[in-house]
Amino acid sequence: KLMEYIEAIEAALGKPAKKNLLPM
């Protein structure tokens, strides 16, 4: 899932992401 992928990047960077939710 895309959100899980983002979580993996956040964990590796040690910093949370601000998210701009957009349509397809």
PDB file of all heavy atoms in Angstrom:
ATOM      1  N   LYS A   1       0.844  -1.191   0.000  1.00  0.00           N
ATOM      2  CA  LYS A   1       0.000   0.000   0.000  1.00  0.00           C
ATOM      3  C   LYS A   1       0.883   1.246   0.000  1.00  0.00           C
ATOM      4  O   LYS A   1       1.918   1.286   0.672  1.00  0.00           O
ATOM      5  CB  LYS A   1      -0.916   0.002   1.224  1.00  0.00           C
ATOM      6  CG  LYS A   1      -1.975  -1.091   1.212  1.00  0.00           C
ATOM      7  CD  LYS A   1      -2.838  -1.047   2.468  1.00  0.00           C
ATOM      8  CE  LYS A   1      -3.899  -2.151   2.445  1.00  0.00           C
ATOM      9  NZ  LYS A   1      -4.718  -2.152   3.683  1.00  0.00           N
ATOM     10  N   LEU A   2       0.456   2.254  -0.747  1.00  0.00           N
ATOM     11  CA  LEU A   2       1.265   3.459  -0.868  1.00  0.00           C
ATOM     12  C   LEU A   2       1.557   4.073   0.497  1.00  0.00           C
ATOM     13  O   LEU A   2       2.670   4.531   0.754  1.00  0.00           O
ATOM     14  CB  LEU A   2       0.552   4.477  -1.765  1.00  0.00           C
ATOM     15  CG  LEU A   2       1.282   5.797  -2.003  1.00  0.00           C
ATOM     16  CD1 LEU A   2       2.662   5.565  -2.599  1.00  0.00           C
ATOM     17  CD2 LEU A   2       0.455   6.707  -2.912  1.00  0.00           C
ATOM     18  N   MET A   3       0.568   4.080   1.378  1.00  0.00           N
ATOM     19  CA  MET A   3       0.782   4.661   2.705  1.00  0.00           C
ATOM     20  C   MET A   3       1.838   3.877   3.494  1.00  0.00           C
ATOM     21  O   MET A   3       2.614   4.459   4.254  1.00  0.00           O
ATOM     22  CB  MET A   3      -0.538   4.724   3.480  1.00  0.00           C
ATOM     23  CG  MET A   3      -1.503   5.783   2.952  1.00  0.00           C
ATOM     24  SD  MET A   3      -0.789   7.444   2.984  1.00  0.00           S
ATOM     25  CE  MET A   3      -2.249   8.437   2.638  1.00  0.00           C
ATOM     26  N   GLU A   4       1.894   2.563   3.322  1.00  0.00           N
ATOM     27  CA  GLU A   4       2.913   1.762   4.000  1.00  0.00           C
ATOM     28  C   GLU A   4       4.302   2.074   3.442  1.00  0.00           C
ATOM     29  O   GLU A   4       5.301   2.090   4.178  1.00  0.00           O
ATOM     30  CB  GLU A   4       2.607   0.276   3.857  1.00  0.00           C
ATOM     31  CG  GLU A   4       1.346  -0.172   4.602  1.00  0.00           C
ATOM     32  CD  GLU A   4       1.043  -1.643   4.387  1.00  0.00           C
ATOM     33  OE1 GLU A   4       1.883  -2.345   3.772  1.00  0.00           O
ATOM     34  OE2 GLU A   4      -0.019  -2.095   4.834  1.00  0.00           O
ATOM     35  N   TYR A   5       4.365   2.319   2.153  1.00  0.00           N
ATOM     36  CA  TYR A   5       5.620   2.688   1.509  1.00  0.00           C
ATOM     37  C   TYR A   5       6.119   4.026   2.060  1.00  0.00           C
ATOM     38  O   TYR A   5       7.305   4.186   2.369  1.00  0.00           O
ATOM     39  CB  TYR A   5       5.395   2.756   0.001  1.00  0.00           C
ATOM     40  CG  TYR A   5       6.578   3.190  -0.804  1.00  0.00           C
ATOM     41  CD1 TYR A   5       7.737   2.436  -0.831  1.00  0.00           C
ATOM     42  CD2 TYR A   5       6.526   4.361  -1.569  1.00  0.00           C
ATOM     43  CE1 TYR A   5       8.824   2.827  -1.595  1.00  0.00           C
ATOM     44  CE2 TYR A   5       7.598   4.758  -2.330  1.00  0.00           C
ATOM     45  CZ  TYR A   5       8.757   3.983  -2.345  1.00  0.00           C
ATOM     46  OH  TYR A   5       9.822   4.374  -3.086  1.00  0.00           O
ATOM     47  N   ILE A   6       5.197   4.972   2.182  1.00  0.00           N
ATOM     48  CA  ILE A   6       5.562   6.272   2.743  1.00  0.00           C
ATOM     49  C   ILE A   6       6.046   6.114   4.176  1.00  0.00           C
ATOM     50  O   ILE A   6       7.030   6.750   4.590  1.00  0.00           O
ATOM     51  CB  ILE A   6       4.362   7.242   2.657  1.00  0.00           C
ATOM     52  CG1 ILE A   6       4.038   7.559   1.185  1.00  0.00           C
ATOM     53  CG2 ILE A   6       4.642   8.535   3.431  1.00  0.00           C
ATOM     54  CD1 ILE A   6       2.737   8.302   0.981  1.00  0.00           C
ATOM     55  N   GLU A   7       5.394   5.252   4.939  1.00  0.00           N
ATOM     56  CA  GLU A   7       5.817   4.997   6.320  1.00  0.00           C
ATOM     57  C   GLU A   7       7.240   4.435   6.367  1.00  0.00           C
ATOM     58  O   GLU A   7       8.021   4.771   7.267  1.00  0.00           O
ATOM     59  CB  GLU A   7       4.840   4.039   6.996  1.00  0.00           C
ATOM     60  CG  GLU A   7       3.472   4.646   7.301  1.00  0.00           C
ATOM     61  CD  GLU A   7       2.458   3.615   7.759  1.00  0.00           C
ATOM     62  OE1 GLU A   7       2.842   2.423   7.902  1.00  0.00           O
ATOM     63  OE2 GLU A   7       1.296   3.975   7.956  1.00  0.00           O
ATOM     64  N   ALA A   8       7.587   3.582   5.422  1.00  0.00           N
ATOM     65  CA  ALA A   8       8.942   3.018   5.380  1.00  0.00           C
ATOM     66  C   ALA A   8       9.974   4.112   5.115  1.00  0.00           C
ATOM     67  O   ALA A   8      11.064   4.108   5.714  1.00  0.00           O
ATOM     68  CB  ALA A   8       9.034   1.933   4.311  1.00  0.00           C
ATOM     69  N   ILE A   9       9.653   5.057   4.232  1.00  0.00           N
ATOM     70  CA  ILE A   9      10.574   6.165   3.952  1.00  0.00           C
ATOM     71  C   ILE A   9      10.673   7.081   5.174  1.00  0.00           C
ATOM     72  O   ILE A   9      11.771   7.524   5.545  1.00  0.00           O
ATOM     73  CB  ILE A   9      10.111   6.944   2.706  1.00  0.00           C
ATOM     74  CG1 ILE A   9      10.236   6.051   1.459  1.00  0.00           C
ATOM     75  CG2 ILE A   9      10.931   8.224   2.531  1.00  0.00           C
ATOM     76  CD1 ILE A   9       9.803   6.718   0.168  1.00  0.00           C
ATOM     77  N   GLU A  10       9.538   7.352   5.810  1.00  0.00           N
ATOM     78  CA  GLU A  10       9.546   8.171   7.028  1.00  0.00           C
ATOM     79  C   GLU A  10      10.442   7.530   8.097  1.00  0.00           C
ATOM     80  O   GLU A  10      11.245   8.213   8.743  1.00  0.00           O
ATOM     81  CB  GLU A  10       8.128   8.321   7.580  1.00  0.00           C
ATOM     82  CG  GLU A  10       7.208   9.184   6.733  1.00  0.00           C
ATOM     83  CD  GLU A  10       5.773   9.163   7.249  1.00  0.00           C
ATOM     84  OE1 GLU A  10       5.301   8.077   7.654  1.00  0.00           O
ATOM     85  OE2 GLU A  10       5.126  10.221   7.231  1.00  0.00           O
ATOM     86  N   ALA A  11      10.310   6.223   8.284  1.00  0.00           N
ATOM     87  CA  ALA A  11      11.102   5.517   9.302  1.00  0.00           C
ATOM     88  C   ALA A  11      12.591   5.587   8.982  1.00  0.00           C
ATOM     89  O   ALA A  11      13.424   5.809   9.868  1.00  0.00           O
ATOM     90  CB  ALA A  11      10.635   4.069   9.404  1.00  0.00           C
ATOM     91  N   ALA A  12      12.932   5.401   7.710  1.00  0.00           N
ATOM     92  CA  ALA A  12      14.342   5.419   7.317  1.00  0.00           C
ATOM     93  C   ALA A  12      14.944   6.818   7.449  1.00  0.00           C
ATOM     94  O   ALA A  12      16.125   6.962   7.790  1.00  0.00           O
ATOM     95  CB  ALA A  12      14.496   4.912   5.889  1.00  0.00           C
ATOM     96  N   LEU A  13      14.128   7.837   7.183  1.00  0.00           N
ATOM     97  CA  LEU A  13      14.598   9.221   7.290  1.00  0.00           C
ATOM     98  C   LEU A  13      14.539   9.736   8.725  1.00  0.00           C
ATOM     99  O   LEU A  13      15.194  10.725   9.061  1.00  0.00           O
ATOM    100  CB  LEU A  13      13.755  10.139   6.396  1.00  0.00           C
ATOM    101  CG  LEU A  13      13.957  10.012   4.886  1.00  0.00           C
ATOM    102  CD1 LEU A  13      12.900  10.819   4.143  1.00  0.00           C
ATOM    103  CD2 LEU A  13      15.351  10.474   4.487  1.00  0.00           C
ATOM    104  N   GLY A  14      13.697   9.090   9.547  1.00  0.00           N
ATOM    105  CA  GLY A  14      13.508   9.561  10.913  1.00  0.00           C
ATOM    106  C   GLY A  14      12.749  10.857  10.982  1.00  0.00           C
ATOM    107  O   GLY A  14      12.956  11.666  11.904  1.00  0.00           O
ATOM    108  N   LYS A  15      11.825  11.051  10.025  1.00  0.00           N
ATOM    109  CA  LYS A  15      11.078  12.309   9.978  1.00  0.00           C
ATOM    110  C   LYS A  15       9.720  12.053   9.338  1.00  0.00           C
ATOM    111  O   LYS A  15       9.641  11.368   8.300  1.00  0.00           O
ATOM    112  CB  LYS A  15      11.853  13.357   9.176  1.00  0.00           C
ATOM    113  CG  LYS A  15      11.272  14.762   9.226  1.00  0.00           C
ATOM    114  CD  LYS A  15      12.183  15.755   8.528  1.00  0.00           C
ATOM    115  CE  LYS A  15      11.604  17.166   8.586  1.00  0.00           C
ATOM    116  NZ  LYS A  15      12.471  18.145   7.904  1.00  0.00           N
ATOM    117  N   PRO A  16       8.621  12.570   9.912  1.00  0.00           N
ATOM    118  CA  PRO A  16       7.294  12.339   9.328  1.00  0.00           C
ATOM    119  C   PRO A  16       7.064  13.191   8.089  1.00  0.00           C
ATOM    120  O   PRO A  16       7.689  14.242   7.913  1.00  0.00           O
ATOM    121  CB  PRO A  16       6.332  12.748  10.458  1.00  0.00           C
ATOM    122  CG  PRO A  16       7.097  13.781  11.224  1.00  0.00           C
ATOM    123  CD  PRO A  16       8.537  13.343  11.174  1.00  0.00           C
ATOM    124  N   ALA A  17       6.159  12.707   7.236  1.00  0.00           N
ATOM    125  CA  ALA A  17       5.827  13.422   6.010  1.00  0.00           C
ATOM    126  C   ALA A  17       4.545  14.230   6.176  1.00  0.00           C
ATOM    127  O   ALA A  17       3.599  13.780   6.817  1.00  0.00           O
ATOM    128  CB  ALA A  17       5.652  12.433   4.860  1.00  0.00           C
ATOM    129  N   LYS A  18       4.542  15.412   5.590  1.00  0.00           N
ATOM    130  CA  LYS A  18       3.297  16.157   5.415  1.00  0.00           C
ATOM    131  C   LYS A  18       2.685  15.681   4.113  1.00  0.00           C
ATOM    132  O   LYS A  18       3.404  15.551   3.107  1.00  0.00           O
ATOM    133  CB  LYS A  18       3.578  17.654   5.354  1.00  0.00           C
ATOM    134  CG  LYS A  18       4.256  18.221   6.588  1.00  0.00           C
ATOM    135  CD  LYS A  18       4.639  19.683   6.365  1.00  0.00           C
ATOM    136  CE  LYS A  18       5.398  20.236   7.571  1.00  0.00           C
ATOM    137  NZ  LYS A  18       5.849  21.640   7.335  1.00  0.00           N
ATOM    138  N   LYS A  19       1.390  15.405   4.114  1.00  0.00           N
ATOM    139  CA  LYS A  19       0.773  14.771   2.951  1.00  0.00           C
ATOM    140  C   LYS A  19      -0.270  15.684   2.295  1.00  0.00           C
ATOM    141  O   LYS A  19      -1.144  16.224   2.978  1.00  0.00           O
ATOM    142  CB  LYS A  19       0.130  13.440   3.351  1.00  0.00           C
ATOM    143  CG  LYS A  19       1.110  12.450   3.970  1.00  0.00           C
ATOM    144  CD  LYS A  19       0.415  11.191   4.435  1.00  0.00           C
ATOM    145  CE  LYS A  19       1.371  10.240   5.120  1.00  0.00           C
ATOM    146  NZ  LYS A  19       1.838  10.749   6.427  1.00  0.00           N
ATOM    147  N   ASN A  20      -0.151  15.809   0.983  1.00  0.00           N
ATOM    148  CA  ASN A  20      -1.111  16.550   0.184  1.00  0.00           C
ATOM    149  C   ASN A  20      -1.925  15.524  -0.603  1.00  0.00           C
ATOM    150  O   ASN A  20      -1.467  15.003  -1.626  1.00  0.00           O
ATOM    151  CB  ASN A  20      -0.376  17.508  -0.760  1.00  0.00           C
ATOM    152  CG  ASN A  20      -1.308  18.366  -1.577  1.00  0.00           C
ATOM    153  OD1 ASN A  20      -2.461  18.588  -1.191  1.00  0.00           O
ATOM    154  ND2 ASN A  20      -0.828  18.854  -2.710  1.00  0.00           N
ATOM    155  N   LEU A  21      -3.125  15.172  -0.096  1.00  0.00           N
ATOM    156  CA  LEU A  21      -3.926  14.115  -0.707  1.00  0.00           C
ATOM    157  C   LEU A  21      -4.627  14.647  -1.957  1.00  0.00           C
ATOM    158  O   LEU A  21      -5.337  15.654  -1.912  1.00  0.00           O
ATOM    159  CB  LEU A  21      -4.950  13.590   0.305  1.00  0.00           C
ATOM    160  CG  LEU A  21      -4.356  13.007   1.596  1.00  0.00           C
ATOM    161  CD1 LEU A  21      -5.460  12.520   2.523  1.00  0.00           C
ATOM    162  CD2 LEU A  21      -3.390  11.871   1.289  1.00  0.00           C
ATOM    163  N   LEU A  22      -4.418  13.936  -3.075  1.00  0.00           N
ATOM    164  CA  LEU A  22      -4.915  14.381  -4.377  1.00  0.00           C
ATOM    165  C   LEU A  22      -5.667  13.257  -5.067  1.00  0.00           C
ATOM    166  O   LEU A  22      -5.489  12.077  -4.749  1.00  0.00           O
ATOM    167  CB  LEU A  22      -3.736  14.820  -5.261  1.00  0.00           C
ATOM    168  CG  LEU A  22      -2.903  15.995  -4.745  1.00  0.00           C
ATOM    169  CD1 LEU A  22      -1.654  16.150  -5.597  1.00  0.00           C
ATOM    170  CD2 LEU A  22      -3.724  17.276  -4.746  1.00  0.00           C
ATOM    171  N   PRO A  23      -6.525  13.592  -6.067  1.00  0.00           N
ATOM    172  CA  PRO A  23      -7.210  12.539  -6.825  1.00  0.00           C
ATOM    173  C   PRO A  23      -6.255  11.793  -7.754  1.00  0.00           C
ATOM    174  O   PRO A  23      -5.114  12.211  -7.964  1.00  0.00           O
ATOM    175  CB  PRO A  23      -8.262  13.320  -7.618  1.00  0.00           C
ATOM    176  CG  PRO A  23      -7.719  14.705  -7.729  1.00  0.00           C
ATOM    177  CD  PRO A  23      -6.951  14.944  -6.461  1.00  0.00           C
ATOM    178  N   MET A  24      -6.724  10.710  -8.317  1.00  0.00           N
ATOM    179  CA  MET A  24      -5.936   9.924  -9.275  1.00  0.00           C
ATOM    180  C   MET A  24      -5.597  10.787 -10.484  1.00  0.00           C
ATOM    181  O   MET A  24      -6.412  11.561 -10.964  1.00  0.00           O
ATOM    182  CB  MET A  24      -6.741   8.702  -9.729  1.00  0.00           C
ATOM    183  CG  MET A  24      -6.028   7.832 -10.727  1.00  0.00           C
ATOM    184  SD  MET A  24      -4.864   6.705  -9.965  1.00  0.00           S
ATOM    185  CE  MET A  24      -5.972   5.381  -9.491  1.00  0.00           C
TER     186      MET A  24
END
